[in-house]
N, C-alpha and C. Protein backbone atom coordinates (compact mmCIF):
# COMPACT_ATOMS: atom_id res chain seq x y z
N UNK A 1 -36.86 30.85 30.17
CA UNK A 1 -36.94 29.56 29.55
C UNK A 1 -37.84 28.67 30.39
N UNK A 2 -38.90 28.10 29.82
CA UNK A 2 -39.81 27.26 30.59
C UNK A 2 -39.13 25.99 31.08
N UNK A 3 -39.51 25.60 32.26
CA UNK A 3 -39.02 24.34 32.83
C UNK A 3 -40.17 23.35 32.80
N UNK A 4 -40.05 22.33 31.99
CA UNK A 4 -41.09 21.30 31.87
C UNK A 4 -42.46 21.91 31.63
N UNK A 5 -42.49 23.03 30.92
CA UNK A 5 -43.75 23.65 30.57
C UNK A 5 -44.38 24.50 31.65
N UNK A 6 -43.75 24.62 32.82
CA UNK A 6 -44.35 25.40 33.91
C UNK A 6 -43.42 26.52 34.33
N UNK A 7 -43.92 27.70 34.41
CA UNK A 7 -43.15 28.83 34.94
C UNK A 7 -41.96 29.18 34.08
N UNK A 8 -41.09 29.98 34.66
CA UNK A 8 -39.87 30.37 33.96
C UNK A 8 -38.69 30.18 34.90
N UNK A 9 -37.56 29.89 34.32
CA UNK A 9 -36.35 29.73 35.12
C UNK A 9 -35.78 31.10 35.43
N UNK A 10 -35.26 31.27 36.63
CA UNK A 10 -34.60 32.53 36.98
C UNK A 10 -33.20 32.51 36.40
N UNK A 11 -32.78 33.64 35.90
CA UNK A 11 -31.42 33.71 35.37
C UNK A 11 -30.45 33.83 36.54
N UNK A 12 -29.24 33.36 36.31
CA UNK A 12 -28.22 33.41 37.35
C UNK A 12 -27.63 34.82 37.42
N UNK A 13 -26.94 35.14 38.51
CA UNK A 13 -26.28 36.45 38.59
C UNK A 13 -25.30 36.68 37.45
N UNK A 14 -24.58 35.65 37.05
CA UNK A 14 -23.62 35.80 35.96
C UNK A 14 -24.34 36.05 34.63
N UNK A 15 -25.47 35.38 34.41
CA UNK A 15 -26.24 35.61 33.19
C UNK A 15 -26.77 37.04 33.15
N UNK A 16 -27.27 37.54 34.28
CA UNK A 16 -27.77 38.91 34.32
C UNK A 16 -26.65 39.91 34.07
N UNK A 17 -25.48 39.64 34.63
CA UNK A 17 -24.34 40.53 34.42
C UNK A 17 -23.92 40.53 32.95
N UNK A 18 -23.88 39.36 32.34
CA UNK A 18 -23.52 39.26 30.92
C UNK A 18 -24.51 40.03 30.05
N UNK A 19 -25.80 39.95 30.38
CA UNK A 19 -26.80 40.70 29.62
C UNK A 19 -26.58 42.20 29.76
N UNK A 20 -26.23 42.64 30.96
CA UNK A 20 -26.01 44.08 31.16
C UNK A 20 -24.79 44.54 30.36
N UNK A 21 -23.76 43.72 30.26
CA UNK A 21 -22.59 44.08 29.47
C UNK A 21 -22.92 44.10 27.98
N UNK A 22 -23.70 43.13 27.54
CA UNK A 22 -24.08 43.07 26.13
C UNK A 22 -24.88 44.31 25.74
N UNK A 23 -25.70 44.80 26.65
CA UNK A 23 -26.51 45.99 26.37
C UNK A 23 -25.64 47.23 26.20
N UNK A 24 -24.46 47.25 26.81
CA UNK A 24 -23.56 48.39 26.70
C UNK A 24 -22.86 48.45 25.35
N UNK A 25 -22.77 47.33 24.65
CA UNK A 25 -22.10 47.29 23.36
C UNK A 25 -20.61 47.02 23.50
N UNK A 26 -19.93 46.82 22.36
CA UNK A 26 -18.51 46.49 22.40
C UNK A 26 -17.65 47.65 22.91
N UNK A 27 -16.54 47.31 23.56
CA UNK A 27 -15.64 48.31 24.12
C UNK A 27 -14.83 49.01 23.04
N UNK A 28 -14.33 48.25 22.08
CA UNK A 28 -13.48 48.81 21.04
C UNK A 28 -13.48 47.85 19.86
N UNK A 29 -13.49 48.38 18.63
CA UNK A 29 -13.50 47.48 17.48
C UNK A 29 -12.20 46.68 17.34
N UNK A 30 -11.09 47.19 17.86
CA UNK A 30 -9.81 46.51 17.69
C UNK A 30 -9.53 45.49 18.80
N UNK A 31 -10.22 45.60 19.91
CA UNK A 31 -9.97 44.72 21.04
C UNK A 31 -11.29 44.13 21.51
N UNK A 32 -11.36 42.82 21.68
CA UNK A 32 -12.62 42.24 22.16
C UNK A 32 -12.97 42.80 23.54
N UNK A 33 -14.25 42.98 23.80
CA UNK A 33 -14.63 43.53 25.10
C UNK A 33 -14.39 42.54 26.24
N UNK A 34 -14.04 43.08 27.38
CA UNK A 34 -13.89 42.26 28.58
C UNK A 34 -15.30 41.92 29.05
N UNK A 35 -15.62 40.65 29.07
CA UNK A 35 -16.95 40.24 29.48
C UNK A 35 -17.10 40.19 30.99
N UNK A 36 -16.03 39.81 31.66
CA UNK A 36 -16.06 39.74 33.12
C UNK A 36 -14.62 39.72 33.61
N UNK A 37 -14.31 40.50 34.62
CA UNK A 37 -12.93 40.48 35.13
C UNK A 37 -12.55 39.10 35.64
N UNK A 38 -11.28 38.78 35.56
CA UNK A 38 -10.78 37.51 36.08
C UNK A 38 -10.42 37.71 37.54
N UNK A 39 -11.43 37.57 38.39
CA UNK A 39 -11.20 37.74 39.82
C UNK A 39 -10.47 36.53 40.38
N UNK A 40 -9.40 36.79 41.08
CA UNK A 40 -8.59 35.73 41.67
C UNK A 40 -8.31 36.08 43.13
N UNK A 41 -7.73 35.14 43.81
CA UNK A 41 -7.34 35.33 45.20
C UNK A 41 -5.85 35.02 45.30
N UNK A 42 -5.07 35.92 45.90
CA UNK A 42 -3.65 35.58 46.09
C UNK A 42 -3.53 34.28 46.88
N UNK A 43 -2.58 33.45 46.49
CA UNK A 43 -2.45 32.13 47.11
C UNK A 43 -2.26 32.25 48.63
N UNK A 44 -1.60 33.30 49.08
CA UNK A 44 -1.39 33.47 50.53
C UNK A 44 -2.73 33.59 51.26
N UNK A 45 -3.70 34.30 50.66
CA UNK A 45 -5.03 34.45 51.28
C UNK A 45 -5.76 33.11 51.27
N UNK A 46 -5.63 32.37 50.17
CA UNK A 46 -6.29 31.07 50.09
C UNK A 46 -5.76 30.13 51.17
N UNK A 47 -4.46 30.18 51.39
CA UNK A 47 -3.85 29.29 52.40
C UNK A 47 -4.28 29.65 53.82
N UNK A 48 -4.74 30.88 54.02
CA UNK A 48 -5.20 31.32 55.35
C UNK A 48 -6.68 31.00 55.60
N UNK A 49 -7.41 30.66 54.55
CA UNK A 49 -8.86 30.48 54.68
C UNK A 49 -9.21 29.32 55.60
N UNK A 50 -10.26 29.52 56.39
CA UNK A 50 -10.79 28.47 57.24
C UNK A 50 -12.18 28.07 56.81
N UNK A 51 -12.72 28.80 55.84
CA UNK A 51 -14.01 28.48 55.23
C UNK A 51 -14.03 29.11 53.85
N UNK A 52 -14.90 28.61 52.99
CA UNK A 52 -15.01 29.17 51.64
C UNK A 52 -16.21 30.10 51.64
N UNK A 53 -15.96 31.33 51.25
CA UNK A 53 -17.03 32.31 51.18
C UNK A 53 -17.26 32.69 49.72
N UNK A 54 -18.48 33.10 49.39
CA UNK A 54 -18.78 33.41 47.99
C UNK A 54 -18.10 34.68 47.49
N UNK A 55 -18.10 34.80 46.19
CA UNK A 55 -17.51 35.94 45.47
C UNK A 55 -17.89 37.27 46.11
N UNK A 56 -19.17 37.47 46.35
CA UNK A 56 -19.65 38.76 46.83
C UNK A 56 -19.03 39.14 48.17
N UNK A 57 -18.85 38.17 49.05
CA UNK A 57 -18.28 38.43 50.37
C UNK A 57 -16.81 38.81 50.24
N UNK A 58 -16.06 38.01 49.49
CA UNK A 58 -14.62 38.30 49.35
C UNK A 58 -14.38 39.60 48.59
N UNK A 59 -15.23 39.89 47.62
CA UNK A 59 -15.10 41.15 46.88
C UNK A 59 -15.38 42.33 47.80
N UNK A 60 -16.42 42.23 48.60
CA UNK A 60 -16.77 43.30 49.55
C UNK A 60 -15.63 43.55 50.54
N UNK A 61 -14.94 42.51 50.93
CA UNK A 61 -13.82 42.64 51.87
C UNK A 61 -12.53 43.10 51.19
N UNK A 62 -12.56 43.21 49.88
CA UNK A 62 -11.37 43.67 49.15
C UNK A 62 -10.30 42.62 49.00
N UNK A 63 -10.67 41.35 49.12
CA UNK A 63 -9.68 40.27 49.03
C UNK A 63 -9.45 39.77 47.60
N UNK A 64 -10.42 39.98 46.72
CA UNK A 64 -10.28 39.50 45.35
C UNK A 64 -9.45 40.48 44.53
N UNK A 65 -8.70 39.94 43.61
CA UNK A 65 -7.81 40.72 42.76
C UNK A 65 -8.24 40.53 41.31
N UNK A 66 -8.39 41.62 40.58
CA UNK A 66 -8.68 41.56 39.15
C UNK A 66 -7.36 41.23 38.46
N UNK A 67 -7.18 39.97 38.13
CA UNK A 67 -5.89 39.47 37.65
C UNK A 67 -5.54 40.02 36.27
N UNK A 68 -4.27 40.36 36.14
CA UNK A 68 -3.68 40.71 34.85
C UNK A 68 -2.38 39.93 34.73
N UNK A 69 -2.06 39.55 33.52
CA UNK A 69 -0.90 38.69 33.28
C UNK A 69 0.40 39.26 33.86
N UNK A 70 0.52 40.56 33.89
CA UNK A 70 1.75 41.19 34.39
C UNK A 70 1.93 41.00 35.90
N UNK A 71 0.89 40.54 36.59
CA UNK A 71 0.94 40.39 38.05
C UNK A 71 1.63 39.12 38.51
N UNK A 72 1.72 38.13 37.64
CA UNK A 72 2.30 36.85 38.03
C UNK A 72 1.62 35.72 37.30
N UNK A 73 1.40 34.63 38.01
CA UNK A 73 0.76 33.45 37.42
C UNK A 73 -0.61 33.24 38.05
N UNK A 74 -1.49 32.62 37.27
CA UNK A 74 -2.82 32.27 37.77
C UNK A 74 -3.02 30.78 37.61
N UNK A 75 -3.66 30.18 38.59
CA UNK A 75 -4.00 28.76 38.52
C UNK A 75 -5.52 28.63 38.55
N UNK A 76 -6.05 27.84 37.64
CA UNK A 76 -7.48 27.59 37.56
C UNK A 76 -7.78 26.31 38.32
N UNK A 77 -8.71 26.39 39.26
CA UNK A 77 -9.05 25.22 40.07
C UNK A 77 -10.47 24.77 39.72
N UNK A 78 -10.57 23.54 39.29
CA UNK A 78 -11.86 22.93 39.01
C UNK A 78 -12.14 21.93 40.12
N UNK A 79 -13.38 21.87 40.55
CA UNK A 79 -13.72 21.01 41.68
C UNK A 79 -15.16 20.56 41.57
N UNK A 80 -15.50 19.58 42.35
CA UNK A 80 -16.87 19.08 42.41
C UNK A 80 -17.61 19.78 43.53
N UNK A 81 -18.83 20.22 43.25
CA UNK A 81 -19.67 20.76 44.32
C UNK A 81 -20.24 19.57 45.08
N UNK A 82 -20.08 19.57 46.39
CA UNK A 82 -20.58 18.45 47.19
C UNK A 82 -21.82 18.82 47.99
N UNK A 83 -22.23 20.08 47.95
CA UNK A 83 -23.43 20.52 48.65
C UNK A 83 -24.40 21.16 47.67
N UNK A 84 -25.65 21.27 48.08
CA UNK A 84 -26.68 21.89 47.23
C UNK A 84 -26.45 23.39 47.07
N UNK A 85 -26.11 24.06 48.17
CA UNK A 85 -25.97 25.52 48.13
C UNK A 85 -24.55 26.00 48.39
N UNK A 86 -23.66 25.08 48.61
CA UNK A 86 -22.27 25.43 48.91
C UNK A 86 -21.37 24.35 48.32
N UNK A 87 -20.26 24.74 47.69
CA UNK A 87 -19.43 23.74 47.02
C UNK A 87 -18.70 22.79 47.97
N UNK A 88 -18.43 23.24 49.17
CA UNK A 88 -17.60 22.45 50.09
C UNK A 88 -18.00 22.79 51.53
N UNK A 89 -19.22 22.42 51.92
CA UNK A 89 -19.72 22.85 53.23
C UNK A 89 -18.88 22.39 54.42
N UNK A 90 -18.16 21.31 54.28
CA UNK A 90 -17.33 20.82 55.39
C UNK A 90 -15.86 21.20 55.22
N UNK A 91 -15.55 21.98 54.19
CA UNK A 91 -14.20 22.50 53.94
C UNK A 91 -13.18 21.39 53.68
N UNK A 92 -13.64 20.23 53.24
CA UNK A 92 -12.73 19.11 53.01
C UNK A 92 -11.91 19.31 51.73
N UNK A 93 -12.57 19.69 50.65
CA UNK A 93 -11.86 19.83 49.38
C UNK A 93 -10.84 20.97 49.42
N UNK A 94 -11.24 22.09 50.00
CA UNK A 94 -10.32 23.22 50.02
C UNK A 94 -9.12 22.91 50.92
N UNK A 95 -9.34 22.16 51.97
CA UNK A 95 -8.22 21.78 52.84
C UNK A 95 -7.21 20.93 52.06
N UNK A 96 -7.71 20.03 51.21
CA UNK A 96 -6.82 19.22 50.36
C UNK A 96 -6.06 20.14 49.39
N UNK A 97 -6.77 21.10 48.80
CA UNK A 97 -6.12 22.05 47.90
C UNK A 97 -5.05 22.85 48.64
N UNK A 98 -5.37 23.32 49.83
CA UNK A 98 -4.39 24.08 50.62
C UNK A 98 -3.14 23.23 50.89
N UNK A 99 -3.36 21.99 51.29
CA UNK A 99 -2.22 21.11 51.56
C UNK A 99 -1.38 20.87 50.31
N UNK A 100 -2.05 20.67 49.17
CA UNK A 100 -1.33 20.45 47.91
C UNK A 100 -0.53 21.69 47.53
N UNK A 101 -1.14 22.86 47.67
CA UNK A 101 -0.43 24.10 47.32
C UNK A 101 0.76 24.34 48.26
N UNK A 102 0.58 24.07 49.53
CA UNK A 102 1.70 24.21 50.47
C UNK A 102 2.85 23.30 50.06
N UNK A 103 2.50 22.09 49.65
CA UNK A 103 3.52 21.13 49.24
C UNK A 103 4.25 21.62 47.98
N UNK A 104 3.48 22.09 47.00
CA UNK A 104 4.07 22.58 45.75
C UNK A 104 4.92 23.82 46.00
N UNK A 105 4.48 24.68 46.89
CA UNK A 105 5.20 25.93 47.15
C UNK A 105 6.39 25.74 48.09
N UNK A 106 6.51 24.54 48.66
CA UNK A 106 7.67 24.26 49.51
C UNK A 106 8.88 24.01 48.61
N UNK A 107 9.80 23.24 49.06
CA UNK A 107 11.02 23.01 48.27
C UNK A 107 10.90 21.85 47.30
N UNK A 108 9.69 21.41 47.03
CA UNK A 108 9.46 20.34 46.06
C UNK A 108 10.04 20.77 44.71
N UNK A 109 10.94 19.99 44.11
CA UNK A 109 11.60 20.44 42.88
C UNK A 109 10.72 20.41 41.62
N UNK A 110 9.81 19.45 41.54
CA UNK A 110 8.95 19.37 40.36
C UNK A 110 7.69 18.57 40.69
N UNK A 111 6.69 18.72 39.83
CA UNK A 111 5.45 17.97 39.96
C UNK A 111 5.49 16.85 38.93
N UNK A 112 5.41 15.64 39.41
CA UNK A 112 5.48 14.47 38.53
C UNK A 112 4.27 14.42 37.60
N UNK A 113 4.48 13.81 36.47
CA UNK A 113 3.38 13.56 35.54
C UNK A 113 2.58 12.36 36.00
N UNK A 114 1.32 12.34 35.61
CA UNK A 114 0.52 11.16 35.91
C UNK A 114 0.96 10.01 34.98
N UNK A 115 0.61 8.82 35.35
CA UNK A 115 1.04 7.62 34.64
C UNK A 115 0.69 7.67 33.15
N UNK A 116 -0.55 8.04 32.84
CA UNK A 116 -0.99 8.01 31.44
C UNK A 116 -0.27 9.06 30.59
N UNK A 117 0.01 10.22 31.16
CA UNK A 117 0.75 11.23 30.40
C UNK A 117 2.15 10.73 30.11
N UNK A 118 2.80 10.15 31.11
CA UNK A 118 4.14 9.61 30.89
C UNK A 118 4.13 8.52 29.83
N UNK A 119 3.10 7.70 29.85
CA UNK A 119 3.00 6.58 28.93
C UNK A 119 2.66 7.03 27.51
N UNK A 120 1.75 7.98 27.38
CA UNK A 120 1.20 8.31 26.07
C UNK A 120 1.75 9.58 25.41
N UNK A 121 2.33 10.47 26.17
CA UNK A 121 2.79 11.74 25.59
C UNK A 121 4.32 11.73 25.55
N UNK A 122 4.83 11.46 24.37
CA UNK A 122 6.27 11.40 24.20
C UNK A 122 6.88 12.78 24.47
N UNK A 123 7.90 12.81 25.27
CA UNK A 123 8.60 14.06 25.55
C UNK A 123 7.97 14.92 26.64
N UNK A 124 6.86 14.49 27.21
CA UNK A 124 6.25 15.26 28.30
C UNK A 124 7.19 15.28 29.49
N UNK A 125 7.30 16.43 30.12
CA UNK A 125 8.23 16.57 31.24
C UNK A 125 7.49 17.05 32.48
N UNK A 126 8.00 16.69 33.64
CA UNK A 126 7.40 17.19 34.88
C UNK A 126 7.46 18.72 34.93
N UNK A 127 6.57 19.32 35.72
CA UNK A 127 6.54 20.77 35.87
C UNK A 127 7.55 21.18 36.93
N UNK A 128 8.46 22.04 36.54
CA UNK A 128 9.46 22.57 37.47
C UNK A 128 8.75 23.57 38.39
N UNK A 129 8.75 23.31 39.68
CA UNK A 129 8.02 24.18 40.61
C UNK A 129 8.68 25.54 40.79
N UNK A 130 9.92 25.69 40.34
CA UNK A 130 10.54 27.03 40.38
C UNK A 130 9.73 28.00 39.53
N UNK A 131 9.10 27.50 38.46
CA UNK A 131 8.26 28.34 37.61
C UNK A 131 7.05 28.86 38.37
N UNK A 132 6.54 28.07 39.29
CA UNK A 132 5.38 28.48 40.08
C UNK A 132 5.81 29.43 41.19
N UNK A 133 6.91 29.11 41.83
CA UNK A 133 7.38 29.93 42.96
C UNK A 133 8.05 31.22 42.51
N UNK A 134 8.43 31.31 41.24
CA UNK A 134 9.19 32.46 40.75
C UNK A 134 8.40 33.75 40.66
N UNK A 135 7.08 33.67 40.64
CA UNK A 135 6.23 34.85 40.52
C UNK A 135 5.06 34.71 41.49
N UNK A 136 4.40 35.82 41.81
CA UNK A 136 3.20 35.71 42.66
C UNK A 136 2.17 34.78 42.00
N UNK A 137 1.46 34.03 42.82
CA UNK A 137 0.47 33.08 42.33
C UNK A 137 -0.92 33.50 42.79
N UNK A 138 -1.86 33.48 41.85
CA UNK A 138 -3.25 33.84 42.12
C UNK A 138 -4.12 32.65 41.74
N UNK A 139 -5.17 32.43 42.52
CA UNK A 139 -6.04 31.27 42.32
C UNK A 139 -7.41 31.71 41.80
N UNK A 140 -7.84 31.08 40.71
CA UNK A 140 -9.20 31.26 40.20
C UNK A 140 -9.98 30.02 40.63
N UNK A 141 -11.06 30.26 41.38
CA UNK A 141 -11.89 29.19 41.94
C UNK A 141 -13.32 29.65 41.78
N UNK A 142 -14.15 28.90 41.10
CA UNK A 142 -15.44 29.44 40.67
C UNK A 142 -16.28 30.06 41.78
N UNK A 143 -16.31 29.49 42.95
CA UNK A 143 -17.20 29.98 44.00
C UNK A 143 -16.82 31.39 44.46
N UNK A 144 -15.54 31.71 44.44
CA UNK A 144 -15.19 33.07 44.82
C UNK A 144 -14.73 33.93 43.65
N UNK A 145 -14.60 33.37 42.47
CA UNK A 145 -14.18 34.16 41.32
C UNK A 145 -15.35 34.62 40.45
N UNK A 146 -16.51 34.03 40.61
CA UNK A 146 -17.71 34.39 39.85
C UNK A 146 -18.85 34.70 40.81
N UNK A 147 -19.74 35.62 40.42
CA UNK A 147 -20.90 35.91 41.29
C UNK A 147 -21.70 34.65 41.59
N UNK A 148 -22.17 34.55 42.82
CA UNK A 148 -22.90 33.36 43.26
C UNK A 148 -24.29 33.67 43.79
N UNK A 149 -24.47 34.84 44.37
CA UNK A 149 -25.71 35.13 45.06
C UNK A 149 -26.67 35.91 44.18
N UNK A 150 -27.96 35.61 44.30
CA UNK A 150 -28.92 36.40 43.53
C UNK A 150 -29.18 37.71 44.27
N UNK A 151 -29.89 38.62 43.62
CA UNK A 151 -30.05 39.97 44.15
C UNK A 151 -30.70 40.02 45.53
N UNK A 152 -31.67 39.18 45.81
CA UNK A 152 -32.32 39.25 47.12
C UNK A 152 -31.38 38.80 48.23
N UNK A 153 -30.47 37.88 47.94
CA UNK A 153 -29.51 37.44 48.95
C UNK A 153 -28.42 38.48 49.18
N UNK A 154 -28.09 39.25 48.16
CA UNK A 154 -27.04 40.25 48.29
C UNK A 154 -27.44 41.31 49.31
N UNK A 155 -28.70 41.73 49.30
CA UNK A 155 -29.15 42.74 50.27
C UNK A 155 -28.96 42.27 51.70
N UNK A 156 -29.34 41.05 52.00
CA UNK A 156 -29.16 40.55 53.36
C UNK A 156 -27.69 40.32 53.67
N UNK A 157 -26.92 39.95 52.66
CA UNK A 157 -25.48 39.76 52.85
C UNK A 157 -24.81 41.09 53.19
N UNK A 158 -25.15 42.15 52.45
CA UNK A 158 -24.54 43.46 52.71
C UNK A 158 -24.88 43.95 54.10
N UNK A 159 -26.12 43.74 54.52
CA UNK A 159 -26.50 44.14 55.88
C UNK A 159 -25.70 43.38 56.92
N UNK A 160 -25.51 42.08 56.68
CA UNK A 160 -24.71 41.27 57.60
C UNK A 160 -23.27 41.71 57.65
N UNK A 161 -22.71 42.08 56.49
CA UNK A 161 -21.33 42.56 56.46
C UNK A 161 -21.19 43.88 57.23
N UNK A 162 -22.16 44.79 57.03
CA UNK A 162 -22.10 46.06 57.76
C UNK A 162 -22.18 45.83 59.27
N UNK A 163 -23.06 44.93 59.68
CA UNK A 163 -23.18 44.64 61.11
C UNK A 163 -21.91 44.01 61.66
N UNK A 164 -21.28 43.13 60.88
CA UNK A 164 -20.06 42.46 61.33
C UNK A 164 -18.89 43.43 61.42
N UNK A 165 -18.90 44.46 60.56
CA UNK A 165 -17.81 45.43 60.56
C UNK A 165 -17.98 46.47 61.65
N UNK A 166 -19.14 46.52 62.25
CA UNK A 166 -19.35 47.44 63.37
C UNK A 166 -20.04 48.64 62.94
């Protein structure tokens, strides 16, 4: 796709992956094809993180889990990217998320509704945190749940991982 009439835009890793899946055709006429696995991170691993690493790094280390409903609950986390090449270069947002999750997973009995929901949604009730603690919890977070690096960066990343592993 031309950008302002000059050159072409590079497709993202996720776009290239989607094209490769589309080229394979549908998986089954009775069941829609899986377009991309729902990669998640167990909440315990997220709480241990001291930095946010991209999908490719966590997948290479075997930390990502292809989530299925039978495994427990999944939480989708939406956030603002605060850096050009990294969503949270100073680890501020994820630290807030970690603290919030620790609080929710503690003995907190329920999560209160926000003011507007209480005001406008008749019958809305707080979320009982026993429902969250009752099953394993997995976190979907775009930076580590979806591919982030283009092909030229993956090669240098893999070399770095091999060197780090010895």
